[in-house]
Structure formats: C-alpha cells, structure tokens
Amino acid sequence: MMINLLGRRFFFSFFLIFSLWCSAQVTEAQLLKKYEQADALSETDTEKSTNETIKLYQQSLKYHYTTLELKCLLTLGYNYDFINKIEKSLEYAKLLEKRAKEENNTILLTDAYRLQGREFNKLEMRKEALASLDRALTVVDEKDFQARGSIYTEYAIIYQNHDQSKYFESIGNAIKNHQKIKDIKNKNYRLSYDYNILATYYDNKNIYDKAIENYKNSLLFSKENPIMKGVLNYNIGNIYMKKGQWQKALEHLLIAEKLAKYKPDLLAYIYDELSNVYLELNENDKSMSYRIKYKELQAEQDSEKYFAAQSVHKQIIEEKDKGFSIQKKLLLAIIFLILLVFTALLIINKNKSKKQFANYQKIIEKLQNQESLIPAPVISNSAAEKTTFSVSSDKEVEILKKLEKFERSEGFKNKNLSLSSMAESLGTNTAYLSTVINSNKNKNFNNYINELRINYIIQKLKNDPQYLKYKISHLAEECGFSSHNTFTIAFSNLAGVSPSNFVKFLTKERQVPEN
C-alpha cells in the first residue's frame, strides 16, 4: 500500500512538473519575436502579416500577454488601413485605445488616436479626424520625436487640400521632429514618407520642378526601402512624361520596374507608362512588348500564366550556376516563345483590317440606334474590395449629379484633367470620387474620362464631315488628349479600330475627299 501511495505521489509530481514545463514553452518573449517577423511583412505581404498577427493576438489573450496584445492590435489596425479596410482599422484602433487606457500605456494610446485620425480623414470626417490628432498631441511624450512627427504628418495630409498655411506648418513640424530621431533606419523611413507627401502636394498642383526635388529628397532617405524607391521612381518618371522629357522618364521607370518586380499592382502601372514612353521614342517593338505585359497583368484570367512565369523566373535566378543544361532549356524556351509571338503577330496583322472594319460597322450601327458606343468594362469583386469603401447614399447621389453636369459641360476636354483636380472642382475627395465612378460607371477614372473623350470625337466625326479632314493630332487635342500617341492607343483600345482607319472607313463611306 505504501508503494502504491509513493507511486501515485511520484506520478502526480511528474505530471505537475511536465505540465509546467509544457506551459512554459510558449513565453511572451518567444511570441514577441514571431510578432516582429509578422509586423515586418506589413507592407510587403499584408495578408500573411495579418493572418500571423491574428494568431498571435489570440495567443496573447489566452496567456494574458498584455504587451503582445497591444502590439498586435496596433499592427492589425495599420494592416487594415494599408488595404483600405477603414471600418476594420477603426475597430482595432478603438479597441487599442480602450486597452491602452486600461494599461496606462501612453505610447500605444498615442498610436491609437493617430490611427483614428487617419481613418476619419479617409471618411471625410475632418472634424473627428482633427479631434483625434489633437488628443494624440495631448498624451504624446515631448521627447518621442517619431510619434510627434507622425502626428504632424497626419495633420499635413488633412490640410493638404484645405489650408495651405497649416499644411506647410504641419509638414514642417513633421520633418523637424523626425530629424531628431536617433535610430537612423527609423529616421530615414519617416523622412522619406514626409518628403513623399510634400512632393505629392506639388505634383497635384502641377509644380513639377518642386515635386521632383522633393521626390528625390525622399529617395535619399529610402535606400533600405525598395518598395518606396519603386513608387518614387515611378512618380518621378510620370512627371517627366508630363513634361515631355521622355528619356529621363524612361530612366526612372526602368529603375521602378526592377524594384517593383514582386509587386504586380505597381508593376502594371509601370508597364503602361513604359509602353507610352517607348511609343513617344519611336521604339514600337518595345512599346508593343510592354503593352502586352501590361494587358497580361491587368487580365485576371491570365493570372495563372503570370504566376507560373514568376515561378520559372525565380527558379532561373536560384539555379543560374547549375550548368549548361538549364541554359540550353531556357534558350529553347525563349526561341519557342519568340516563334509563337511571331506567328501570332502574323495572324493578327492578317486579320487586323477585317476586324477593325467590323468594329467600325458596329460603332456606326450603335450611333444609328443611339446606343452606348463602348461597352462598360467589368470590374471584379476582388478588385473592388481593394480599392473602394462605403459611401453614403446622399453623398453618392450628390456626386453623380455633379458628374452628370460635368459630362454635359464637356469638362473632360481639359487635357490637364486629373483625379485630384476633378475631385477638387466637384467639392469632394479622390477616394469618394473614384469609388462612385467605379460602382456606378463600372470603370475606373482613367477609362471613364477616356471613354467620354472618344465618344465625343466619334460623334463629331460622324456628324460633321469637316472633322474627317483634320489630322489625328488635331482630333486628339480637340477631345482633351495631350498627345497623338496616347489618343491613338485609347481610341484603339476602346473602339477596337485605330482613329486613322476609322476616318478612312468613314471617308470612303461618305465619299468625302481626303486632304
């Protein structure tokens, strides 16, 4: 009996020690290390970062790890902000505010208020946004230069289109505070963001020299942030395009292409602009190559082929030194692709005139039946989720009425028209305007404006024979395009026939003598 009693005590003691040992395996320090890894992915792989952080947040509640809990709430708030899920971001910001107050953590309470200010501003609730930032300033430590500077950065974003004096005061205070940060990497990251915001202001005001100067200042501080460098080089290239400095534009866009190779959304924009630049430089083969790349990236049905190509490319990089066999296979693959593309081009060129005439006939038939000339593109639900958020019904109706007036007044003929300038003229912001156009016009801003312009010039060509005698460059300028080439691309993409062939077909049909 004594032996049995000793055995039971031994078993109980062993079980207790084993249980304590198991529970001690997941310490807060270990989970915080995993958190740092998840947080580092916030801007490069937001979905993975969010999923990992949610798991860590659940563990923080299970084990009552307060520090981990608060950090996870902050990261989740900013991750949802990054992908424009405003309500979710606000939800975590409010929860962070509540828990930070309970734990008397002024650092994270400051972050909670700042994040709320950002989200309220996105919802055009400027009064609430400014109130949140004011609360952040009241609790932030005077020597926490990172937090103070970031609060002023948010002020600057709010004042950017409303109060020029307060905007420059705010961005100046942001830079002044961020320059005092001791950690060089963190300091550079914050200053890069500040100068990018300053450059965007000048870019929107068409003050291009100042914009380029500040984009380059931002580049100086973004050496360790390849994604930011890619965005900045794209922005600089875009400005040089507006100035007609095509070679300089090309240099920056090619740099951006290399930096954005694993970020498809940015890469699509870069391919689009590279196609336009090469067209202006009369390098038609390269222009066509990038146009094909752009359309492949845009078309979701080709996503499998795109990711397969990325996988092959990655394998080539990893195995480039493994011998002649791989190089030979790659060479054969390239030759095969070249032959395939060449054959496809021969077929396309053979049928091009026939297809364009068929498209021309469809347009003429629609004009006679008073139908919409160009079918609306379909926007996928997944794409809409990434770029839109809820707009109130009253606000939506108000913007739609203003868009109707804008269309009647032919405001789209302004060649300097942009999303930001149009939003300002309609008394709203770019996020609301873009969302209303996407959901009601079933297309993005650029397609919406281009379609209005192309519809306008087609109507003129059909109804006024004099327009058939004009040069393509004059037709482009008449409907709001800044260059012959961009007009030709837009016309061909939307109408399915080039403007020169459209004029040719219509002239032949009307028997109007050409110049």
Protein backbone atom coordinates (compact mmCIF):
# COMPACT_ATOMS: atom_id res chain seq x y z
CA MET A 1 0.00 0.00 0.00
CA MET A 2 2.90 2.31 0.86
CA ILE A 3 4.45 1.51 -2.53
CA ASN A 4 1.18 2.36 -4.28
CA LEU A 5 0.95 5.64 -2.37
CA LEU A 6 4.53 6.55 -3.27
CA GLY A 7 3.85 5.61 -6.88
CA ARG A 8 0.82 7.85 -7.04
CA ARG A 9 2.75 10.75 -5.49
CA PHE A 10 5.59 10.22 -7.96
CA PHE A 11 3.15 10.16 -10.90
CA PHE A 12 1.38 13.30 -9.65
CA SER A 13 4.68 15.14 -9.15
CA PHE A 14 5.92 14.07 -12.61
CA PHE A 15 2.62 15.14 -14.20
CA LEU A 16 2.74 18.55 -12.47
CA ILE A 17 6.34 19.18 -13.50
CA PHE A 18 5.60 18.05 -17.06
CA SER A 19 2.56 20.35 -17.27
CA LEU A 20 4.52 23.33 -16.01
CA TRP A 21 7.31 22.54 -18.46
CA CYS A 22 4.86 22.39 -21.38
CA SER A 23 3.12 25.63 -20.45
CA ALA A 24 6.46 27.38 -20.15
CA GLN A 25 7.38 26.53 -23.73
CA VAL A 26 5.49 29.50 -25.23
CA THR A 27 6.81 32.57 -23.45
CA GLU A 28 5.85 36.13 -24.27
CA ALA A 29 9.41 36.78 -25.44
CA GLN A 30 9.13 33.95 -27.97
CA LEU A 31 5.79 35.20 -29.25
CA LEU A 32 7.08 38.79 -29.44
CA LYS A 33 9.88 37.55 -31.68
CA LYS A 34 7.27 36.00 -34.00
CA TYR A 35 5.30 39.24 -33.82
CA GLU A 36 8.32 41.25 -35.03
CA GLN A 37 8.58 38.92 -38.03
CA ALA A 38 4.87 39.30 -38.82
CA ASP A 39 4.98 43.09 -38.39
CA ALA A 40 7.95 43.33 -40.77
CA LEU A 41 5.73 41.90 -43.54
CA SER A 42 3.07 44.61 -43.18
CA GLU A 43 3.87 46.44 -46.42
CA THR A 44 5.34 43.57 -48.45
CA ASP A 45 2.88 40.75 -47.72
CA THR A 46 -0.01 42.33 -45.84
CA GLU A 47 -2.26 39.28 -46.00
CA LYS A 48 0.34 36.99 -44.44
CA SER A 49 1.22 39.61 -41.84
CA THR A 50 -2.44 39.98 -40.87
CA ASN A 51 -3.07 36.24 -40.62
CA GLU A 52 0.01 35.68 -38.46
CA THR A 53 -0.80 38.66 -36.24
CA ILE A 54 -4.37 37.45 -35.65
CA LYS A 55 -3.00 34.10 -34.45
CA LEU A 56 -0.55 35.88 -32.12
CA TYR A 57 -3.34 38.15 -30.84
CA GLN A 58 -5.43 35.11 -29.94
CA GLN A 59 -2.46 33.62 -28.08
CA SER A 60 -1.91 36.90 -26.24
CA LEU A 61 -5.47 36.71 -24.90
CA LYS A 62 -5.06 33.04 -23.97
CA TYR A 63 -1.86 33.61 -21.99
CA HIS A 64 -2.70 37.18 -20.81
CA TYR A 65 0.37 38.67 -22.51
CA THR A 66 -0.55 42.37 -22.42
CA THR A 67 2.43 43.79 -24.32
CA LEU A 68 1.90 41.35 -27.19
CA GLU A 69 -1.85 42.04 -27.17
CA LEU A 70 -1.41 45.80 -27.58
CA LYS A 71 1.24 45.46 -30.28
CA CYS A 72 -0.96 43.06 -32.25
CA LEU A 73 -3.91 45.48 -32.08
CA LEU A 74 -1.73 48.25 -33.48
CA THR A 75 -0.37 46.15 -36.34
CA LEU A 76 -3.82 44.87 -37.28
CA GLY A 77 -5.13 48.44 -37.31
CA TYR A 78 -2.38 49.60 -39.66
CA ASN A 79 -2.61 46.50 -41.86
CA TYR A 80 -6.31 47.09 -42.47
CA ASP A 81 -5.52 50.76 -43.10
CA PHE A 82 -2.91 49.69 -45.69
CA ILE A 83 -5.51 47.73 -47.69
CA ASN A 84 -8.15 50.44 -47.17
CA LYS A 85 -10.48 48.44 -44.89
CA ILE A 86 -11.40 51.57 -42.94
CA GLU A 87 -14.09 50.15 -40.66
CA LYS A 88 -11.87 47.23 -39.60
CA SER A 89 -8.96 49.60 -39.00
CA LEU A 90 -11.14 51.86 -36.86
CA GLU A 91 -12.44 48.85 -34.94
CA TYR A 92 -8.91 47.84 -33.91
CA ALA A 93 -7.91 51.46 -33.25
CA LYS A 94 -10.85 51.88 -30.83
CA LEU A 95 -10.04 48.59 -29.10
CA LEU A 96 -6.39 49.63 -28.81
CA GLU A 97 -7.48 52.96 -27.28
CA LYS A 98 -9.59 51.13 -24.66
CA ARG A 99 -6.86 48.64 -23.71
CA ALA A 100 -4.06 51.24 -23.73
CA LYS A 101 -6.06 53.39 -21.30
CA GLU A 102 -6.64 50.38 -19.03
CA GLU A 103 -2.91 49.56 -19.07
CA ASN A 104 -1.88 53.24 -18.81
CA ASN A 105 0.26 52.86 -21.95
CA THR A 106 0.55 56.40 -23.37
CA ILE A 107 2.80 55.33 -26.26
CA LEU A 108 0.23 52.99 -27.79
CA LEU A 109 -2.63 55.32 -26.79
CA THR A 110 -0.93 57.95 -28.97
CA ASP A 111 -0.78 55.46 -31.84
CA ALA A 112 -4.47 54.62 -31.36
CA TYR A 113 -5.52 58.28 -31.60
CA ARG A 114 -3.27 58.87 -34.63
CA LEU A 115 -4.68 55.87 -36.47
CA GLN A 116 -8.24 57.02 -35.73
CA GLY A 117 -7.37 60.44 -37.14
CA ARG A 118 -6.14 58.85 -40.36
CA GLU A 119 -9.26 56.72 -40.82
CA PHE A 120 -11.69 59.56 -40.01
CA ASN A 121 -9.94 61.68 -42.63
CA LYS A 122 -10.43 58.94 -45.24
CA LEU A 123 -14.14 59.06 -44.43
CA GLU A 124 -14.12 62.87 -44.94
CA MET A 125 -14.91 63.34 -41.24
CA ARG A 126 -12.35 66.14 -40.84
CA LYS A 127 -13.72 67.41 -37.54
CA GLU A 128 -13.40 63.97 -35.91
CA ALA A 129 -10.00 63.43 -37.55
CA LEU A 130 -8.57 66.66 -36.18
CA ALA A 131 -10.05 65.94 -32.73
CA SER A 132 -8.32 62.53 -32.66
CA LEU A 133 -4.98 64.05 -33.64
CA ASP A 134 -5.42 66.78 -31.01
CA ARG A 135 -5.92 64.05 -28.38
CA ALA A 136 -2.79 62.30 -29.65
CA LEU A 137 -0.76 65.50 -29.14
CA THR A 138 -2.02 65.86 -25.57
CA VAL A 139 -0.76 62.42 -24.49
CA VAL A 140 2.41 62.01 -26.57
CA ASP A 141 5.76 62.32 -24.81
CA GLU A 142 7.56 65.53 -25.82
CA LYS A 143 10.76 63.57 -26.47
CA ASP A 144 9.03 60.91 -28.58
CA PHE A 145 10.05 62.58 -31.83
CA GLN A 146 8.86 59.70 -34.01
CA ALA A 147 5.32 59.81 -32.64
CA ARG A 148 5.11 63.63 -32.60
CA GLY A 149 6.41 63.85 -36.15
CA SER A 150 3.97 61.20 -37.37
CA ILE A 151 1.04 63.08 -35.80
CA TYR A 152 2.06 66.23 -37.68
CA THR A 153 2.33 64.15 -40.87
CA GLU A 154 -1.34 63.17 -40.46
CA TYR A 155 -2.25 66.84 -39.87
CA ALA A 156 -0.48 67.70 -43.15
CA ILE A 157 -2.47 65.09 -45.08
CA ILE A 158 -5.72 66.56 -43.77
CA TYR A 159 -4.76 70.17 -44.54
CA GLN A 160 -3.25 69.37 -47.96
CA ASN A 161 -6.33 70.33 -49.99
CA HIS A 162 -7.96 72.68 -47.46
CA ASP A 163 -5.49 75.03 -45.77
CA GLN A 164 -2.14 75.69 -47.45
CA SER A 165 -0.69 77.63 -44.50
CA LYS A 166 -1.50 74.89 -41.96
CA TYR A 167 -0.34 72.23 -44.42
CA PHE A 168 3.18 73.70 -44.68
CA GLU A 169 3.29 74.33 -40.92
CA SER A 170 2.34 70.70 -40.24
CA ILE A 171 4.73 69.09 -42.72
CA GLY A 172 7.49 71.38 -41.45
CA ASN A 173 6.87 70.22 -37.86
CA ALA A 174 6.82 66.60 -39.04
CA ILE A 175 10.22 66.89 -40.72
CA LYS A 176 11.66 68.85 -37.76
CA ASN A 177 10.64 66.13 -35.29
CA HIS A 178 11.66 63.20 -37.47
CA GLN A 179 15.12 64.70 -37.99
CA LYS A 180 15.67 64.30 -34.22
CA ILE A 181 15.10 60.52 -34.22
CA LYS A 182 18.30 58.77 -33.13
CA ASP A 183 17.71 55.44 -34.86
CA ILE A 184 18.97 56.09 -38.40
CA LYS A 185 16.85 53.45 -40.15
CA ASN A 186 13.64 54.64 -38.50
CA LYS A 187 14.58 58.28 -39.07
CA ASN A 188 15.15 57.70 -42.78
CA TYR A 189 11.88 55.81 -43.16
CA ARG A 190 9.86 58.66 -41.59
CA LEU A 191 11.63 61.42 -43.54
CA SER A 192 11.16 59.52 -46.78
CA TYR A 193 7.42 59.42 -46.11
CA ASP A 194 7.33 63.16 -45.24
CA TYR A 195 9.13 64.27 -48.39
CA ASN A 196 6.93 61.99 -50.50
CA ILE A 197 3.83 63.74 -49.10
CA LEU A 198 5.43 67.13 -49.80
CA ALA A 199 6.26 66.06 -53.36
CA THR A 200 2.71 64.80 -53.93
CA TYR A 201 1.37 68.24 -52.97
CA TYR A 202 3.49 69.95 -55.63
CA ASP A 203 2.72 67.19 -58.16
CA ASN A 204 -1.04 67.74 -57.71
CA LYS A 205 -0.51 71.49 -58.14
CA ASN A 206 1.47 70.84 -61.39
CA ILE A 207 4.58 72.46 -59.85
CA TYR A 208 6.74 69.75 -61.33
CA ASP A 209 10.25 71.03 -60.50
CA LYS A 210 9.40 71.26 -56.81
CA ALA A 211 7.71 67.86 -56.96
CA ILE A 212 10.81 66.22 -58.50
CA GLU A 213 13.07 67.95 -55.97
CA ASN A 214 11.09 66.51 -53.06
CA TYR A 215 10.66 63.07 -54.63
CA LYS A 216 14.46 62.97 -54.91
CA ASN A 217 14.79 64.09 -51.28
CA SER A 218 12.51 61.20 -50.37
CA LEU A 219 14.72 58.84 -52.38
CA LEU A 220 17.76 59.87 -50.34
CA PHE A 221 16.05 58.52 -47.21
CA SER A 222 14.57 55.35 -48.72
CA LYS A 223 17.74 53.37 -49.52
CA GLU A 224 16.61 50.44 -47.35
CA ASN A 225 13.00 50.50 -48.60
CA PRO A 226 12.88 49.07 -52.15
CA ILE A 227 9.10 49.36 -52.45
CA MET A 228 9.18 53.08 -51.61
CA LYS A 229 12.06 53.55 -54.06
CA GLY A 230 9.99 51.86 -56.75
CA VAL A 231 7.00 54.13 -56.07
CA LEU A 232 9.17 57.25 -56.03
CA ASN A 233 10.94 56.42 -59.31
CA TYR A 234 7.54 55.73 -60.90
CA ASN A 235 6.26 59.13 -59.69
CA ILE A 236 9.36 60.94 -60.98
CA GLY A 237 9.10 59.15 -64.33
CA ASN A 238 5.44 60.13 -64.54
CA ILE A 239 6.31 63.81 -64.05
CA TYR A 240 9.00 63.70 -66.75
CA MET A 241 6.35 62.22 -69.07
CA LYS A 242 4.06 65.17 -68.34
CA LYS A 243 6.98 67.49 -69.18
CA GLY A 244 7.69 65.61 -72.41
CA GLN A 245 11.20 64.59 -71.25
CA TRP A 246 10.87 61.03 -72.47
CA GLN A 247 14.47 59.85 -71.96
CA LYS A 248 14.52 60.93 -68.32
CA ALA A 249 11.12 59.38 -67.82
CA LEU A 250 12.45 56.12 -69.26
CA GLU A 251 15.44 56.04 -66.89
CA HIS A 252 13.28 56.30 -63.77
CA LEU A 253 10.57 53.93 -65.00
CA LEU A 254 13.16 51.23 -65.74
CA ILE A 255 14.53 51.59 -62.21
CA ALA A 256 10.99 51.37 -60.85
CA GLU A 257 10.39 48.23 -62.92
CA LYS A 258 13.32 46.43 -61.27
CA LEU A 259 12.26 47.44 -57.77
CA ALA A 260 8.61 46.51 -58.29
CA LYS A 261 9.13 43.07 -59.86
CA TYR A 262 7.37 41.31 -56.97
CA LYS A 263 4.60 43.91 -56.60
CA PRO A 264 2.21 43.30 -59.52
CA ASP A 265 -0.18 46.22 -58.86
CA LEU A 266 2.64 48.79 -59.14
CA LEU A 267 4.29 46.87 -61.97
CA ALA A 268 1.14 47.13 -64.11
CA TYR A 269 1.24 50.94 -63.90
CA ILE A 270 4.93 50.92 -64.77
CA TYR A 271 4.40 48.69 -67.83
CA ASP A 272 1.62 51.02 -69.01
CA GLU A 273 3.84 54.10 -68.79
CA LEU A 274 6.85 52.30 -70.33
CA SER A 275 4.69 51.37 -73.32
CA ASN A 276 3.69 55.03 -73.76
CA VAL A 277 7.27 56.30 -73.36
CA TYR A 278 8.70 53.86 -75.91
CA LEU A 279 5.92 54.87 -78.30
CA GLU A 280 6.98 58.52 -77.95
CA LEU A 281 10.61 57.47 -78.56
CA ASN A 282 9.50 55.62 -81.74
CA GLU A 283 10.65 52.27 -80.35
CA ASN A 284 7.49 50.50 -81.41
CA ASP A 285 8.66 46.94 -80.72
CA LYS A 286 9.43 47.74 -77.08
CA SER A 287 6.20 49.69 -76.79
CA MET A 288 4.22 46.70 -78.03
CA SER A 289 6.15 44.36 -75.72
CA TYR A 290 5.27 46.42 -72.64
CA ARG A 291 1.69 46.89 -73.82
CA ILE A 292 1.33 43.10 -73.95
CA LYS A 293 2.88 42.77 -70.48
CA TYR A 294 0.53 45.43 -69.15
CA LYS A 295 -2.58 43.75 -70.55
CA GLU A 296 -1.46 40.34 -69.26
CA LEU A 297 -1.05 41.73 -65.75
CA GLN A 298 -4.39 43.51 -65.92
CA ALA A 299 -6.32 40.46 -67.12
CA GLU A 300 -7.14 38.31 -64.10
CA GLN A 301 -7.87 35.33 -66.32
CA ASP A 302 -4.16 35.27 -67.20
CA SER A 303 -3.07 35.24 -63.54
CA GLU A 304 -2.11 31.56 -63.60
CA LYS A 305 0.21 32.14 -66.53
CA TYR A 306 1.70 35.17 -64.79
CA PHE A 307 2.45 33.34 -61.54
CA ALA A 308 3.86 30.41 -63.49
CA ALA A 309 6.21 32.82 -65.27
CA GLN A 310 7.22 34.32 -61.91
CA SER A 311 7.95 30.83 -60.58
CA VAL A 312 10.09 29.98 -63.60
CA HIS A 313 11.94 33.28 -63.28
CA LYS A 314 12.66 32.60 -59.61
CA GLN A 315 13.99 29.13 -60.40
CA ILE A 316 16.23 30.58 -63.10
CA ILE A 317 17.74 33.03 -60.62
CA GLU A 318 18.32 30.33 -57.99
CA GLU A 319 19.78 27.81 -60.43
CA LYS A 320 21.67 30.07 -62.84
CA ASP A 321 25.03 28.47 -61.89
CA LYS A 322 23.89 24.84 -62.11
CA GLY A 323 25.19 24.21 -65.60
CA PHE A 324 24.69 24.36 -69.34
CA SER A 325 21.59 22.13 -69.35
CA ILE A 326 19.32 24.74 -67.75
CA GLN A 327 20.68 27.48 -70.03
CA LYS A 328 20.00 25.32 -73.06
CA LYS A 329 16.41 24.64 -71.97
CA LEU A 330 15.89 28.31 -71.28
CA LEU A 331 17.27 29.24 -74.71
CA LEU A 332 14.94 26.74 -76.38
CA ALA A 333 12.01 28.12 -74.38
CA ILE A 334 12.85 31.68 -75.44
CA ILE A 335 13.18 30.64 -79.09
CA PHE A 336 9.83 28.84 -78.87
CA LEU A 337 8.17 31.90 -77.32
CA ILE A 338 9.66 34.19 -79.99
CA LEU A 339 8.35 31.90 -82.74
CA LEU A 340 4.98 31.74 -81.02
CA VAL A 341 4.75 35.53 -80.73
CA PHE A 342 5.95 35.99 -84.32
CA THR A 343 3.32 33.56 -85.62
CA ALA A 344 0.64 35.25 -83.54
CA LEU A 345 1.63 38.67 -84.92
CA LEU A 346 1.39 37.38 -88.49
CA ILE A 347 -2.12 36.11 -87.82
CA ILE A 348 -3.12 39.34 -86.05
CA ASN A 349 -1.81 41.54 -88.89
CA LYS A 350 -3.59 39.40 -91.48
CA ASN A 351 -6.97 39.80 -89.78
CA LYS A 352 -6.47 43.30 -88.35
CA SER A 353 -8.08 45.29 -91.16
CA LYS A 354 -11.05 42.94 -91.35
CA LYS A 355 -11.66 43.05 -87.58
CA GLN A 356 -11.25 46.83 -87.44
CA PHE A 357 -13.79 47.29 -90.22
CA ALA A 358 -16.22 45.02 -88.36
CA ASN A 359 -15.72 47.10 -85.19
CA TYR A 360 -16.24 50.27 -87.23
CA GLN A 361 -19.54 48.92 -88.57
CA LYS A 362 -20.69 48.08 -85.03
CA ILE A 363 -19.98 51.64 -83.90
CA ILE A 364 -21.85 53.14 -86.85
CA GLU A 365 -24.79 50.82 -86.14
CA LYS A 366 -24.83 51.86 -82.47
CA LEU A 367 -24.77 55.54 -83.49
CA GLN A 368 -27.78 54.98 -85.70
CA ASN A 369 -29.59 53.14 -82.89
CA GLN A 370 -28.47 55.76 -80.33
CA GLU A 371 -26.81 53.09 -78.18
CA SER A 372 -23.74 53.44 -75.96
CA LEU A 373 -20.71 53.27 -78.27
CA ILE A 374 -18.34 51.42 -75.98
CA PRO A 375 -19.29 48.56 -73.61
CA ALA A 376 -18.52 49.15 -69.92
CA PRO A 377 -15.58 47.06 -68.61
CA VAL A 378 -16.33 44.56 -65.88
CA ILE A 379 -14.62 45.18 -62.54
CA SER A 380 -14.14 42.08 -60.40
CA ASN A 381 -15.40 41.96 -56.81
CA SER A 382 -11.90 41.28 -55.52
CA ALA A 383 -10.52 44.36 -57.23
CA ALA A 384 -13.38 46.49 -55.93
CA GLU A 385 -12.75 45.33 -52.37
CA LYS A 386 -9.18 46.53 -52.57
CA THR A 387 -9.95 49.98 -53.93
CA THR A 388 -13.31 51.06 -52.54
CA PHE A 389 -15.10 51.67 -49.29
CA SER A 390 -18.63 52.59 -48.32
CA VAL A 391 -20.04 55.95 -49.47
CA SER A 392 -23.31 57.21 -48.00
CA SER A 393 -26.33 57.25 -50.34
CA ASP A 394 -26.77 61.04 -50.08
CA LYS A 395 -23.12 61.66 -50.89
CA GLU A 396 -23.26 59.22 -53.80
CA VAL A 397 -26.34 60.93 -55.32
CA GLU A 398 -24.67 64.34 -54.89
CA ILE A 399 -21.51 63.23 -56.71
CA LEU A 400 -23.50 61.53 -59.51
CA LYS A 401 -25.44 64.76 -60.16
CA LYS A 402 -22.17 66.68 -60.36
CA LEU A 403 -20.76 64.06 -62.76
CA GLU A 404 -23.81 64.44 -65.00
CA LYS A 405 -23.29 68.22 -65.09
CA PHE A 406 -19.56 67.65 -65.75
CA GLU A 407 -20.37 65.43 -68.75
CA ARG A 408 -22.87 67.93 -70.20
CA SER A 409 -20.35 70.76 -69.87
CA GLU A 410 -17.71 68.67 -71.71
CA GLY A 411 -15.23 69.24 -68.89
CA PHE A 412 -13.42 66.08 -69.97
CA LYS A 413 -11.88 68.05 -72.86
CA ASN A 414 -9.44 69.67 -70.42
CA LYS A 415 -6.09 68.00 -71.19
CA ASN A 416 -4.75 68.78 -67.69
CA LEU A 417 -7.63 66.96 -66.01
CA SER A 418 -6.64 64.55 -63.20
CA LEU A 419 -8.47 62.64 -60.47
CA SER A 420 -7.29 65.11 -57.83
CA SER A 421 -8.17 68.25 -59.84
CA MET A 422 -11.59 66.87 -60.76
CA ALA A 423 -12.30 65.88 -57.13
CA GLU A 424 -11.37 69.39 -56.02
CA SER A 425 -13.62 71.01 -58.67
CA LEU A 426 -16.54 68.78 -57.63
CA GLY A 427 -16.02 69.57 -53.94
CA THR A 428 -15.13 66.03 -52.82
CA ASN A 429 -12.03 63.88 -52.33
CA THR A 430 -10.29 61.42 -54.64
CA ALA A 431 -11.35 58.33 -52.66
CA TYR A 432 -15.07 59.18 -52.82
CA LEU A 433 -14.96 60.21 -56.48
CA SER A 434 -13.06 57.06 -57.51
CA THR A 435 -15.46 54.84 -55.55
CA VAL A 436 -18.60 56.41 -57.08
CA ILE A 437 -17.18 56.14 -60.61
CA ASN A 438 -16.16 52.50 -60.07
CA SER A 439 -19.52 51.44 -58.65
CA ASN A 440 -21.85 53.49 -60.89
CA LYS A 441 -19.94 53.85 -64.15
CA ASN A 442 -18.45 50.35 -63.84
CA LYS A 443 -14.96 51.56 -64.75
CA ASN A 444 -12.01 53.37 -63.20
CA PHE A 445 -11.37 57.11 -63.51
CA ASN A 446 -8.99 56.93 -66.49
CA ASN A 447 -11.30 54.67 -68.51
CA TYR A 448 -14.27 56.89 -67.63
CA ILE A 449 -12.56 60.08 -68.93
CA ASN A 450 -11.08 58.34 -71.98
CA GLU A 451 -14.47 56.90 -72.92
CA LEU A 452 -16.13 60.35 -72.70
CA ARG A 453 -13.41 61.80 -74.94
CA ILE A 454 -13.57 59.00 -77.52
CA ASN A 455 -17.39 59.08 -77.61
CA TYR A 456 -17.22 62.85 -78.15
CA ILE A 457 -14.77 62.69 -81.08
CA ILE A 458 -16.60 59.75 -82.74
CA GLN A 459 -19.84 61.78 -82.64
CA LYS A 460 -18.01 64.73 -84.22
CA LEU A 461 -16.52 62.55 -86.98
CA LYS A 462 -19.92 61.02 -87.76
CA ASN A 463 -21.96 64.23 -87.69
CA ASP A 464 -19.52 66.83 -89.04
CA PRO A 465 -17.74 65.88 -92.33
CA GLN A 466 -15.22 68.68 -91.76
CA TYR A 467 -13.67 66.64 -88.92
CA LEU A 468 -12.74 63.90 -91.42
CA LYS A 469 -10.24 66.33 -92.95
CA TYR A 470 -8.40 67.03 -89.67
CA LYS A 471 -5.11 65.43 -88.72
CA ILE A 472 -5.13 62.83 -85.95
CA SER A 473 -3.12 65.18 -83.70
CA HIS A 474 -5.84 67.83 -84.05
CA LEU A 475 -8.56 65.31 -83.22
CA ALA A 476 -6.56 64.28 -80.14
CA GLU A 477 -6.24 67.87 -78.94
CA GLU A 478 -9.91 68.59 -79.68
CA CYS A 479 -11.16 65.90 -77.28
CA GLY A 480 -8.63 66.52 -74.48
CA PHE A 481 -5.63 64.25 -75.12
CA SER A 482 -2.18 65.76 -74.68
CA SER A 483 -0.51 63.71 -77.42
CA HIS A 484 -1.22 61.97 -80.71
CA ASN A 485 0.09 58.62 -79.44
CA THR A 486 -1.92 58.41 -76.22
CA PHE A 487 -5.05 59.33 -78.17
CA THR A 488 -4.36 56.59 -80.73
CA ILE A 489 -3.85 53.97 -78.01
CA ALA A 490 -7.00 55.00 -76.12
CA PHE A 491 -9.12 55.14 -79.29
CA SER A 492 -7.90 51.72 -80.48
CA ASN A 493 -8.37 50.09 -77.06
CA LEU A 494 -11.89 51.42 -76.54
CA ALA A 495 -13.28 51.34 -80.10
CA GLY A 496 -11.43 48.32 -81.47
CA VAL A 497 -10.27 50.32 -84.50
CA SER A 498 -7.48 52.88 -84.90
CA PRO A 499 -8.57 56.52 -85.42
CA SER A 500 -6.84 56.67 -88.82
CA ASN A 501 -8.70 53.59 -90.04
CA PHE A 502 -11.97 54.88 -88.58
CA VAL A 503 -11.54 58.12 -90.55
CA LYS A 504 -10.56 56.11 -93.63
CA PHE A 505 -13.63 53.84 -93.44
CA LEU A 506 -16.00 56.74 -92.76
CA THR A 507 -14.45 58.89 -95.52
CA LYS A 508 -14.83 56.08 -98.04
CA GLU A 509 -18.42 55.53 -96.99
CA ARG A 510 -19.26 59.26 -97.22
CA GLN A 511 -17.04 59.75 -100.30
CA VAL A 512 -15.51 62.86 -98.74
CA PRO A 513 -12.20 63.79 -100.44
CA GLU A 514 -9.23 63.48 -98.07
CA ASN A 515 -6.53 66.15 -97.67
